[in-house]
C-alpha atoms as a PDB file:
ATOM      1  CA  UNK A   1     107.051 130.294 -60.831  1.00  0.00           C
ATOM      2  CA  UNK A   2     103.606 129.945 -59.327  1.00  0.00           C
ATOM      3  CA  UNK A   3     100.704 132.250 -60.152  1.00  0.00           C
ATOM      4  CA  UNK A   4      97.690 131.946 -57.880  1.00  0.00           C
ATOM      5  CA  UNK A   5      94.254 133.191 -58.874  1.00  0.00           C
ATOM      6  CA  UNK A   6      93.254 133.980 -55.271  1.00  0.00           C
ATOM      7  CA  UNK A   7      89.822 133.548 -53.812  1.00  0.00           C
ATOM      8  CA  UNK A   8      87.886 136.790 -54.463  1.00  0.00           C
ATOM      9  CA  UNK A   9      85.100 137.914 -52.118  1.00  0.00           C
ATOM     10  CA  UNK A  10      82.647 135.782 -50.244  1.00  0.00           C
ATOM     11  CA  UNK A  11      79.370 136.196 -52.160  1.00  0.00           C
ATOM     12  CA  UNK A  12      77.357 132.983 -51.745  1.00  0.00           C
ATOM     13  CA  UNK A  13      80.304 131.622 -49.774  1.00  0.00           C
ATOM     14  CA  UNK A  14      82.291 131.094 -52.975  1.00  0.00           C
ATOM     15  CA  UNK A  15      85.931 130.212 -52.540  1.00  0.00           C
ATOM     16  CA  UNK A  16      87.929 129.757 -55.733  1.00  0.00           C
ATOM     17  CA  UNK A  17      91.612 128.977 -56.024  1.00  0.00           C
ATOM     18  CA  UNK A  18      93.000 128.527 -59.533  1.00  0.00           C
ATOM     19  CA  UNK A  19      96.682 127.731 -59.376  1.00  0.00           C
ATOM     20  CA  UNK A  20      98.937 127.833 -62.395  1.00  0.00           C
ATOM     21  CA  UNK A  21     102.417 126.360 -61.957  1.00  0.00           C
ATOM     22  CA  UNK A  22     105.447 126.432 -64.248  1.00  0.00           C
ATOM     23  CA  UNK A  23     108.338 123.971 -64.001  1.00  0.00           C
ATOM     24  CA  UNK A  24     111.243 122.717 -66.090  1.00  0.00           C
ATOM     25  CA  UNK A  25     110.085 119.872 -68.353  1.00  0.00           C
ATOM     26  CA  UNK A  26     106.876 118.762 -70.018  1.00  0.00           C
ATOM     27  CA  UNK A  27     104.519 116.652 -67.852  1.00  0.00           C
ATOM     28  CA  UNK A  28     100.724 116.198 -67.799  1.00  0.00           C
ATOM     29  CA  UNK A  29      99.286 119.696 -67.895  1.00  0.00           C
ATOM     30  CA  UNK A  30      96.383 119.607 -65.451  1.00  0.00           C
ATOM     31  CA  UNK A  31      95.077 118.067 -62.267  1.00  0.00           C
ATOM     32  CA  UNK A  32      91.472 118.788 -61.409  1.00  0.00           C
ATOM     33  CA  UNK A  33      89.885 118.724 -57.988  1.00  0.00           C
ATOM     34  CA  UNK A  34      86.344 119.984 -57.251  1.00  0.00           C
ATOM     35  CA  UNK A  35      85.506 122.392 -54.456  1.00  0.00           C
ATOM     36  CA  UNK A  36      82.018 122.750 -53.088  1.00  0.00           C
ATOM     37  CA  UNK A  37      80.597 126.224 -52.597  1.00  0.00           C
ATOM     38  CA  UNK A  38      77.381 127.930 -51.417  1.00  0.00           C
ATOM     39  CA  UNK A  39      73.901 126.533 -51.982  1.00  0.00           C
ATOM     40  CA  UNK A  40      75.009 123.277 -53.571  1.00  0.00           C
ATOM     41  CA  UNK A  41      76.824 125.029 -56.403  1.00  0.00           C
ATOM     42  CA  UNK A  42      80.168 123.655 -57.433  1.00  0.00           C
ATOM     43  CA  UNK A  43      83.182 125.233 -59.047  1.00  0.00           C
ATOM     44  CA  UNK A  44      86.617 123.841 -59.581  1.00  0.00           C
ATOM     45  CA  UNK A  45      90.054 124.440 -58.230  1.00  0.00           C
ATOM     46  CA  UNK A  46      92.039 124.115 -61.406  1.00  0.00           C
ATOM     47  CA  UNK A  47      95.674 123.235 -60.763  1.00  0.00           C
ATOM     48  CA  UNK A  48      97.704 123.324 -63.946  1.00  0.00           C
ATOM     49  CA  UNK A  49     101.302 122.164 -64.072  1.00  0.00           C
ATOM     50  CA  UNK A  50     102.692 123.782 -67.195  1.00  0.00           C
ATOM     51  CA  UNK A  51     106.292 122.969 -68.022  1.00  0.00           C
ATOM     52  CA  UNK A  52     108.414 124.726 -70.569  1.00  0.00           C
ATOM     53  CA  UNK A  53     112.036 124.707 -71.750  1.00  0.00           C
ATOM     54  CA  UNK A  54     113.556 128.137 -72.334  1.00  0.00           C
ATOM     55  CA  UNK A  55     114.203 127.445 -76.002  1.00  0.00           C
ATOM     56  CA  UNK A  56     110.578 126.375 -76.542  1.00  0.00           C
ATOM     57  CA  UNK A  57     109.345 129.516 -74.824  1.00  0.00           C
ATOM     58  CA  UNK A  58     111.367 131.744 -77.137  1.00  0.00           C
ATOM     59  CA  UNK A  59     110.287 129.847 -80.257  1.00  0.00           C
ATOM     60  CA  UNK A  60     106.642 130.158 -79.164  1.00  0.00           C
ATOM     61  CA  UNK A  61     106.708 133.947 -79.608  1.00  0.00           C
ATOM     62  CA  UNK A  62     107.052 134.925 -83.267  1.00  0.00           C
ATOM     63  CA  UNK A  63     109.586 137.476 -84.486  1.00  0.00           C
ATOM     64  CA  UNK A  64     113.282 138.160 -84.462  1.00  0.00           C
ATOM     65  CA  UNK A  65     115.264 138.310 -81.234  1.00  0.00           C
ATOM     66  CA  UNK A  66     116.466 141.878 -81.769  1.00  0.00           C
ATOM     67  CA  UNK A  67     115.074 144.664 -79.604  1.00  0.00           C
ATOM     68  CA  UNK A  68     114.105 146.984 -82.456  1.00  0.00           C
ATOM     69  CA  UNK A  69     111.872 149.501 -80.725  1.00  0.00           C
ATOM     70  CA  UNK A  70     111.590 148.914 -77.026  1.00  0.00           C
ATOM     71  CA  UNK A  71     111.526 146.153 -74.489  1.00  0.00           C
ATOM     72  CA  UNK A  72     113.578 145.909 -71.326  1.00  0.00           C
ATOM     73  CA  UNK A  73     116.540 147.780 -72.803  1.00  0.00           C
ATOM     74  CA  UNK A  74     114.509 151.002 -73.122  1.00  0.00           C
ATOM     75  CA  UNK A  75     115.184 153.872 -70.715  1.00  0.00           C
ATOM     76  CA  UNK A  76     111.988 155.847 -71.133  1.00  0.00           C
ATOM     77  CA  UNK A  77     109.210 155.456 -68.616  1.00  0.00           C
ATOM     78  CA  UNK A  78     105.515 155.266 -69.475  1.00  0.00           C
ATOM     79  CA  UNK A  79     102.666 153.778 -67.453  1.00  0.00           C
ATOM     80  CA  UNK A  80      99.225 152.766 -68.688  1.00  0.00           C
ATOM     81  CA  UNK A  81      95.904 151.831 -67.136  1.00  0.00           C
ATOM     82  CA  UNK A  82      94.250 148.952 -69.012  1.00  0.00           C
ATOM     83  CA  UNK A  83      90.514 148.364 -68.567  1.00  0.00           C
ATOM     84  CA  UNK A  84      89.043 145.152 -69.986  1.00  0.00           C
ATOM     85  CA  UNK A  85      85.269 144.713 -70.126  1.00  0.00           C
ATOM     86  CA  UNK A  86      83.453 141.452 -70.881  1.00  0.00           C
ATOM     87  CA  UNK A  87      80.666 142.304 -73.356  1.00  0.00           C
ATOM     88  CA  UNK A  88      79.173 138.809 -73.679  1.00  0.00           C
ATOM     89  CA  UNK A  89      75.929 137.664 -72.023  1.00  0.00           C
ATOM     90  CA  UNK A  90      77.095 134.106 -71.382  1.00  0.00           C
ATOM     91  CA  UNK A  91      80.872 133.665 -71.552  1.00  0.00           C
ATOM     92  CA  UNK A  92      83.383 134.142 -68.751  1.00  0.00           C
ATOM     93  CA  UNK A  93      87.008 135.030 -69.581  1.00  0.00           C
ATOM     94  CA  UNK A  94      90.067 133.598 -67.901  1.00  0.00           C
ATOM     95  CA  UNK A  95      92.272 136.124 -66.057  1.00  0.00           C
ATOM     96  CA  UNK A  96      93.886 138.168 -68.844  1.00  0.00           C
ATOM     97  CA  UNK A  97      97.577 138.073 -69.728  1.00  0.00           C
ATOM     98  CA  UNK A  98      98.765 141.543 -70.760  1.00  0.00           C
ATOM     99  CA  UNK A  99     102.237 142.461 -72.041  1.00  0.00           C
ATOM    100  CA  UNK A 100     104.011 145.555 -73.332  1.00  0.00           C
ATOM    101  CA  UNK A 101     106.686 144.805 -75.891  1.00  0.00           C
ATOM    102  CA  UNK A 102     108.506 145.661 -79.121  1.00  0.00           C
ATOM    103  CA  UNK A 103     106.947 145.320 -82.578  1.00  0.00           C
ATOM    104  CA  UNK A 104     108.716 142.011 -83.247  1.00  0.00           C
ATOM    105  CA  UNK A 105     106.479 140.132 -80.780  1.00  0.00           C
ATOM    106  CA  UNK A 106     103.366 138.356 -82.094  1.00  0.00           C
ATOM    107  CA  UNK A 107     101.354 136.317 -79.616  1.00  0.00           C
ATOM    108  CA  UNK A 108      98.777 135.246 -82.192  1.00  0.00           C
ATOM    109  CA  UNK A 109      97.903 136.060 -85.811  1.00  0.00           C
ATOM    110  CA  UNK A 110      94.601 135.436 -87.594  1.00  0.00           C
ATOM    111  CA  UNK A 111      95.089 132.863 -90.363  1.00  0.00           C
ATOM    112  CA  UNK A 112      98.307 131.486 -88.911  1.00  0.00           C
ATOM    113  CA  UNK A 113      98.987 128.455 -86.726  1.00  0.00           C
ATOM    114  CA  UNK A 114      98.359 128.782 -83.000  1.00  0.00           C
ATOM    115  CA  UNK A 115     101.495 128.267 -80.958  1.00  0.00           C
ATOM    116  CA  UNK A 116     101.597 125.814 -78.071  1.00  0.00           C
ATOM    117  CA  UNK A 117     101.471 128.868 -75.785  1.00  0.00           C
ATOM    118  CA  UNK A 118      98.198 130.075 -77.330  1.00  0.00           C
ATOM    119  CA  UNK A 119      96.827 126.514 -77.378  1.00  0.00           C
ATOM    120  CA  UNK A 120      97.350 126.218 -73.617  1.00  0.00           C
ATOM    121  CA  UNK A 121      95.419 129.437 -72.994  1.00  0.00           C
ATOM    122  CA  UNK A 122      92.637 128.756 -75.517  1.00  0.00           C
ATOM    123  CA  UNK A 123      92.035 125.086 -74.620  1.00  0.00           C
ATOM    124  CA  UNK A 124      93.011 124.776 -70.981  1.00  0.00           C
ATOM    125  CA  UNK A 125      92.877 128.272 -69.511  1.00  0.00           C
ATOM    126  CA  UNK A 126      96.560 127.750 -68.713  1.00  0.00           C
ATOM    127  CA  UNK A 127      98.441 131.051 -68.677  1.00  0.00           C
ATOM    128  CA  UNK A 128     101.637 129.587 -67.218  1.00  0.00           C
ATOM    129  CA  UNK A 129     103.669 128.772 -70.359  1.00  0.00           C
ATOM    130  CA  UNK A 130     102.814 132.054 -72.090  1.00  0.00           C
ATOM    131  CA  UNK A 131     103.642 134.128 -69.016  1.00  0.00           C
ATOM    132  CA  UNK A 132     106.928 132.290 -68.585  1.00  0.00           C
ATOM    133  CA  UNK A 133     107.860 132.853 -72.228  1.00  0.00           C
ATOM    134  CA  UNK A 134     107.009 136.546 -72.109  1.00  0.00           C
ATOM    135  CA  UNK A 135     108.917 137.143 -68.895  1.00  0.00           C
ATOM    136  CA  UNK A 136     111.992 135.454 -70.369  1.00  0.00           C
ATOM    137  CA  UNK A 137     111.935 137.525 -73.574  1.00  0.00           C
ATOM    138  CA  UNK A 138     114.136 140.621 -73.696  1.00  0.00           C
ATOM    139  CA  UNK A 139     111.759 142.300 -76.126  1.00  0.00           C
ATOM    140  CA  UNK A 140     109.048 142.383 -73.451  1.00  0.00           C
ATOM    141  CA  UNK A 141     108.952 145.306 -71.022  1.00  0.00           C
ATOM    142  CA  UNK A 142     106.266 144.192 -68.573  1.00  0.00           C
ATOM    143  CA  UNK A 143     103.788 141.358 -68.037  1.00  0.00           C
ATOM    144  CA  UNK A 144     100.627 141.622 -65.933  1.00  0.00           C
ATOM    145  CA  UNK A 145      98.282 138.714 -65.182  1.00  0.00           C
ATOM    146  CA  UNK A 146      94.757 139.022 -63.821  1.00  0.00           C
ATOM    147  CA  UNK A 147      93.824 137.442 -60.507  1.00  0.00           C
ATOM    148  CA  UNK A 148      90.215 136.493 -61.303  1.00  0.00           C
ATOM    149  CA  UNK A 149      87.955 135.616 -64.230  1.00  0.00           C
ATOM    150  CA  UNK A 150      85.754 138.220 -65.905  1.00  0.00           C
ATOM    151  CA  UNK A 151      82.129 137.099 -65.914  1.00  0.00           C
ATOM    152  CA  UNK A 152      79.253 138.523 -67.982  1.00  0.00           C
ATOM    153  CA  UNK A 153      77.715 141.763 -66.676  1.00  0.00           C
ATOM    154  CA  UNK A 154      74.496 139.924 -65.773  1.00  0.00           C
ATOM    155  CA  UNK A 155      76.559 137.489 -63.652  1.00  0.00           C
ATOM    156  CA  UNK A 156      74.494 134.380 -64.544  1.00  0.00           C
ATOM    157  CA  UNK A 157      76.405 132.213 -62.069  1.00  0.00           C
ATOM    158  CA  UNK A 158      75.770 134.615 -59.143  1.00  0.00           C
ATOM    159  CA  UNK A 159      79.514 134.709 -58.500  1.00  0.00           C
ATOM    160  CA  UNK A 160      81.608 137.244 -56.593  1.00  0.00           C
ATOM    161  CA  UNK A 161      83.392 138.255 -59.798  1.00  0.00           C
ATOM    162  CA  UNK A 162      83.027 141.323 -62.014  1.00  0.00           C
ATOM    163  CA  UNK A 163      82.729 141.866 -65.765  1.00  0.00           C
ATOM    164  CA  UNK A 164      85.330 144.656 -65.594  1.00  0.00           C
ATOM    165  CA  UNK A 165      88.994 144.505 -64.593  1.00  0.00           C
ATOM    166  CA  UNK A 166      91.588 147.289 -64.455  1.00  0.00           C
ATOM    167  CA  UNK A 167      95.343 146.851 -64.557  1.00  0.00           C
ATOM    168  CA  UNK A 168      98.399 149.101 -64.435  1.00  0.00           C
ATOM    169  CA  UNK A 169     101.299 148.169 -66.682  1.00  0.00           C
ATOM    170  CA  UNK A 170     104.679 149.728 -67.408  1.00  0.00           C
ATOM    171  CA  UNK A 171     105.694 150.322 -71.016  1.00  0.00           C
ATOM    172  CA  UNK A 172     109.201 151.705 -70.528  1.00  0.00           C
ATOM    173  CA  UNK A 173     110.353 152.272 -74.091  1.00  0.00           C
ATOM    174  CA  UNK A 174     108.019 149.631 -75.560  1.00  0.00           C
ATOM    175  CA  UNK A 175     105.501 150.875 -78.092  1.00  0.00           C
ATOM    176  CA  UNK A 176     103.112 147.894 -78.350  1.00  0.00           C
ATOM    177  CA  UNK A 177     100.697 145.978 -76.140  1.00  0.00           C
ATOM    178  CA  UNK A 178      98.974 142.581 -76.392  1.00  0.00           C
ATOM    179  CA  UNK A 179      96.482 140.673 -74.285  1.00  0.00           C
ATOM    180  CA  UNK A 180      94.783 137.274 -74.411  1.00  0.00           C
ATOM    181  CA  UNK A 181      92.008 135.478 -72.457  1.00  0.00           C
ATOM    182  CA  UNK A 182      90.186 132.200 -72.987  1.00  0.00           C
ATOM    183  CA  UNK A 183      86.430 132.166 -73.504  1.00  0.00           C
ATOM    184  CA  UNK A 184      85.895 129.631 -70.759  1.00  0.00           C
ATOM    185  CA  UNK A 185      82.730 127.909 -72.037  1.00  0.00           C
ATOM    186  CA  UNK A 186      84.290 126.928 -75.371  1.00  0.00           C
ATOM    187  CA  UNK A 187      86.616 124.175 -76.508  1.00  0.00           C
ATOM    188  CA  UNK A 188      89.369 126.519 -77.689  1.00  0.00           C
ATOM    189  CA  UNK A 189      87.912 129.982 -78.051  1.00  0.00           C
ATOM    190  CA  UNK A 190      89.777 133.093 -76.982  1.00  0.00           C
ATOM    191  CA  UNK A 191      89.840 136.848 -77.350  1.00  0.00           C
ATOM    192  CA  UNK A 192      92.615 139.382 -77.309  1.00  0.00           C
ATOM    193  CA  UNK A 193      94.679 142.043 -79.003  1.00  0.00           C
ATOM    194  CA  UNK A 194      97.964 141.330 -80.737  1.00  0.00           C
ATOM    195  CA  UNK A 195     100.680 143.982 -81.059  1.00  0.00           C
ATOM    196  CA  UNK A 196      98.521 147.098 -80.852  1.00  0.00           C
ATOM    197  CA  UNK A 197     100.421 150.406 -80.763  1.00  0.00           C
ATOM    198  CA  UNK A 198     100.208 152.197 -77.434  1.00  0.00           C
ATOM    199  CA  UNK A 199      98.870 155.773 -77.474  1.00  0.00           C
ATOM    200  CA  UNK A 200     101.539 158.409 -76.865  1.00  0.00           C
ATOM    201  CA  UNK A 201      99.091 160.390 -74.735  1.00  0.00           C
ATOM    202  CA  UNK A 202      95.489 160.342 -73.550  1.00  0.00           C
ATOM    203  CA  UNK A 203      93.600 157.086 -74.263  1.00  0.00           C
ATOM    204  CA  UNK A 204      92.298 154.795 -76.963  1.00  0.00           C
ATOM    205  CA  UNK A 205      89.301 152.449 -76.892  1.00  0.00           C
ATOM    206  CA  UNK A 206      89.443 149.191 -78.824  1.00  0.00           C
ATOM    207  CA  UNK A 207      87.143 146.201 -79.301  1.00  0.00           C
ATOM    208  CA  UNK A 208      88.191 142.554 -79.614  1.00  0.00           C
ATOM    209  CA  UNK A 209      86.378 139.735 -81.349  1.00  0.00           C
ATOM    210  CA  UNK A 210      86.339 136.027 -80.477  1.00  0.00           C
ATOM    211  CA  UNK A 211      88.828 133.691 -82.140  1.00  0.00           C
ATOM    212  CA  UNK A 212      88.889 129.924 -82.600  1.00  0.00           C
ATOM    213  CA  UNK A 213      92.386 128.478 -82.119  1.00  0.00           C
ATOM    214  CA  UNK A 214      91.261 125.368 -84.033  1.00  0.00           C
ATOM    215  CA  UNK A 215      93.499 123.218 -81.877  1.00  0.00           C
ATOM    216  CA  UNK A 216      90.449 121.289 -80.637  1.00  0.00           C
ATOM    217  CA  UNK A 217      87.144 120.420 -82.290  1.00  0.00           C
ATOM    218  CA  UNK A 218      84.153 122.421 -81.071  1.00  0.00           C
ATOM    219  CA  UNK A 219      82.268 119.565 -79.439  1.00  0.00           C
ATOM    220  CA  UNK A 220      80.436 122.007 -77.125  1.00  0.00           C
ATOM    221  CA  UNK A 221      80.484 119.215 -74.544  1.00  0.00           C
ATOM    222  CA  UNK A 222      81.126 120.090 -70.890  1.00  0.00           C
ATOM    223  CA  UNK A 223      83.233 116.934 -70.659  1.00  0.00           C
ATOM    224  CA  UNK A 224      85.729 118.513 -73.085  1.00  0.00           C
ATOM    225  CA  UNK A 225      85.876 121.945 -71.416  1.00  0.00           C
ATOM    226  CA  UNK A 226      87.639 123.376 -68.403  1.00  0.00           C
ATOM    227  CA  UNK A 227      85.643 122.738 -65.212  1.00  0.00           C
ATOM    228  CA  UNK A 228      85.025 126.371 -64.133  1.00  0.00           C
ATOM    229  CA  UNK A 229      82.691 126.876 -67.112  1.00  0.00           C
ATOM    230  CA  UNK A 230      79.597 125.477 -65.460  1.00  0.00           C
ATOM    231  CA  UNK A 231      79.801 127.293 -62.127  1.00  0.00           C
ATOM    232  CA  UNK A 232      80.714 130.651 -63.646  1.00  0.00           C
ATOM    233  CA  UNK A 233      77.668 130.587 -65.940  1.00  0.00           C
ATOM    234  CA  UNK A 234      75.287 129.006 -63.409  1.00  0.00           C
ATOM    235  CA  UNK A 235      74.821 125.700 -65.227  1.00  0.00           C
ATOM    236  CA  UNK A 236      75.375 122.240 -63.784  1.00  0.00           C
ATOM    237  CA  UNK A 237      75.781 118.799 -65.316  1.00  0.00           C
ATOM    238  CA  UNK A 238      77.168 115.384 -64.537  1.00  0.00           C
ATOM    239  CA  UNK A 239      80.298 116.096 -66.624  1.00  0.00           C
ATOM    240  CA  UNK A 240      83.281 117.161 -64.524  1.00  0.00           C
ATOM    241  CA  UNK A 241      85.185 118.742 -67.413  1.00  0.00           C
ATOM    242  CA  UNK A 242      88.891 118.535 -68.122  1.00  0.00           C
ATOM    243  CA  UNK A 243      91.856 120.880 -68.030  1.00  0.00           C
ATOM    244  CA  UNK A 244      94.217 119.242 -70.469  1.00  0.00           C
ATOM    245  CA  UNK A 245      94.473 118.688 -74.194  1.00  0.00           C
ATOM    246  CA  UNK A 246      92.769 115.653 -75.745  1.00  0.00           C
ATOM    247  CA  UNK A 247      94.794 114.606 -78.834  1.00  0.00           C
ATOM    248  CA  UNK A 248      91.781 112.780 -80.301  1.00  0.00           C
ATOM    249  CA  UNK A 249      90.017 116.149 -80.765  1.00  0.00           C
ATOM    250  CA  UNK A 250      92.905 117.884 -82.523  1.00  0.00           C
ATOM    251  CA  UNK A 251      92.281 120.125 -85.555  1.00  0.00           C
ATOM    252  CA  UNK A 252      94.600 121.957 -87.945  1.00  0.00           C
ATOM    253  CA  UNK A 253      95.479 124.689 -85.450  1.00  0.00           C
ATOM    254  CA  UNK A 254      94.923 127.621 -87.836  1.00  0.00           C
ATOM    255  CA  UNK A 255      93.401 130.597 -85.995  1.00  0.00           C
ATOM    256  CA  UNK A 256      90.091 131.788 -87.475  1.00  0.00           C
ATOM    257  CA  UNK A 257      87.226 134.034 -86.372  1.00  0.00           C
ATOM    258  CA  UNK A 258      85.150 131.987 -83.943  1.00  0.00           C
ATOM    259  CA  UNK A 259      81.923 130.688 -85.545  1.00  0.00           C
ATOM    260  CA  UNK A 260      80.090 131.095 -82.243  1.00  0.00           C
ATOM    261  CA  UNK A 261      78.005 128.572 -80.333  1.00  0.00           C
ATOM    262  CA  UNK A 262      76.124 126.292 -82.727  1.00  0.00           C
ATOM    263  CA  UNK A 263      74.183 124.329 -80.131  1.00  0.00           C
ATOM    264  CA  UNK A 264      76.107 121.106 -79.604  1.00  0.00           C
ATOM    265  CA  UNK A 265      76.006 118.547 -76.841  1.00  0.00           C
ATOM    266  CA  UNK A 266      75.703 120.934 -73.880  1.00  0.00           C
ATOM    267  CA  UNK A 267      76.139 124.546 -74.950  1.00  0.00           C
ATOM    268  CA  UNK A 268      73.118 126.636 -75.940  1.00  0.00           C
ATOM    269  CA  UNK A 269      73.361 129.622 -78.311  1.00  0.00           C
ATOM    270  CA  UNK A 270      70.886 131.575 -76.197  1.00  0.00           C
ATOM    271  CA  UNK A 271      72.880 130.994 -73.011  1.00  0.00           C
ATOM    272  CA  UNK A 272      76.528 130.716 -74.027  1.00  0.00           C
ATOM    273  CA  UNK A 273      76.479 132.534 -77.370  1.00  0.00           C
ATOM    274  CA  UNK A 274      77.625 136.061 -78.230  1.00  0.00           C
ATOM    275  CA  UNK A 275      77.829 138.672 -80.936  1.00  0.00           C
ATOM    276  CA  UNK A 276      81.206 140.212 -81.738  1.00  0.00           C
ATOM    277  CA  UNK A 277      82.881 142.139 -80.302  1.00  0.00           C
ATOM    278  CA  UNK A 278      83.231 140.200 -77.054  1.00  0.00           C
ATOM    279  CA  UNK A 279      85.552 142.584 -75.201  1.00  0.00           C
ATOM    280  CA  UNK A 280      86.087 146.314 -74.849  1.00  0.00           C
ATOM    281  CA  UNK A 281      89.586 147.507 -74.009  1.00  0.00           C
ATOM    282  CA  UNK A 282      90.499 151.014 -72.848  1.00  0.00           C
ATOM    283  CA  UNK A 283      94.206 151.877 -72.916  1.00  0.00           C
ATOM    284  CA  UNK A 284      95.000 155.087 -71.038  1.00  0.00           C
ATOM    285  CA  UNK A 285      98.388 156.668 -70.456  1.00  0.00           C
ATOM    286  CA  UNK A 286      98.498 157.803 -66.832  1.00  0.00           C
ATOM    287  CA  UNK A 287     102.087 158.966 -66.156  1.00  0.00           C
END
């Protein structure tokens, strides 16, 4: 399976291709190659080879294998419009992964260990393993993946991207929805919703905070972050960045509320920081 984050628009001559690939066995997770774009700015084409055995994918999603209240076995039909809005002044989000599913699915849980699937999203912006696991799980009705990052509303990097994205997703007989996105200018920060009940009619508006996967120390160093961070926020440095896990920076992996940007090697609280919530999510039944 190959998921391509296509080039979006041509503002400032930007051309961005982020390619996520999934294969059959574990190999190095990322290959990075820079692409030049308008007015001497630079962003990165991030090619991530994410490889996952079927058994590992199933283990990575918590809960029993039974389809207790929905999933692909359901016969009912329900369709929802999902609107995700980036509320931060200085953090871009990776393209969201959204899934409708039964109550026995947990993508992440505050205070519990981050799975390898969550680690790949939170550290490397790599949606591939999580998407593969969700699509292979019978308790999941539908999976939708964004095609572009969500930048702050003030668009500090003068990109062609928006701070709002809308998606249509099928629920079938599933009663729950989850989503996850990396906060790109962090070591392992992310935001999302886990197993939220879908409204039976009309709409519901929710807000999501930032989480720290604690799979990597918060060095706040561009050298330890995914390369798109700098271009999306309009900052440049001599550090190319990296799109794979560095074992020497490993932490305990217990998910906690993100402490925010402290002001480390490269990140600045006034530029890259935020106040919770970081995302607004509108879930609207449209069928």
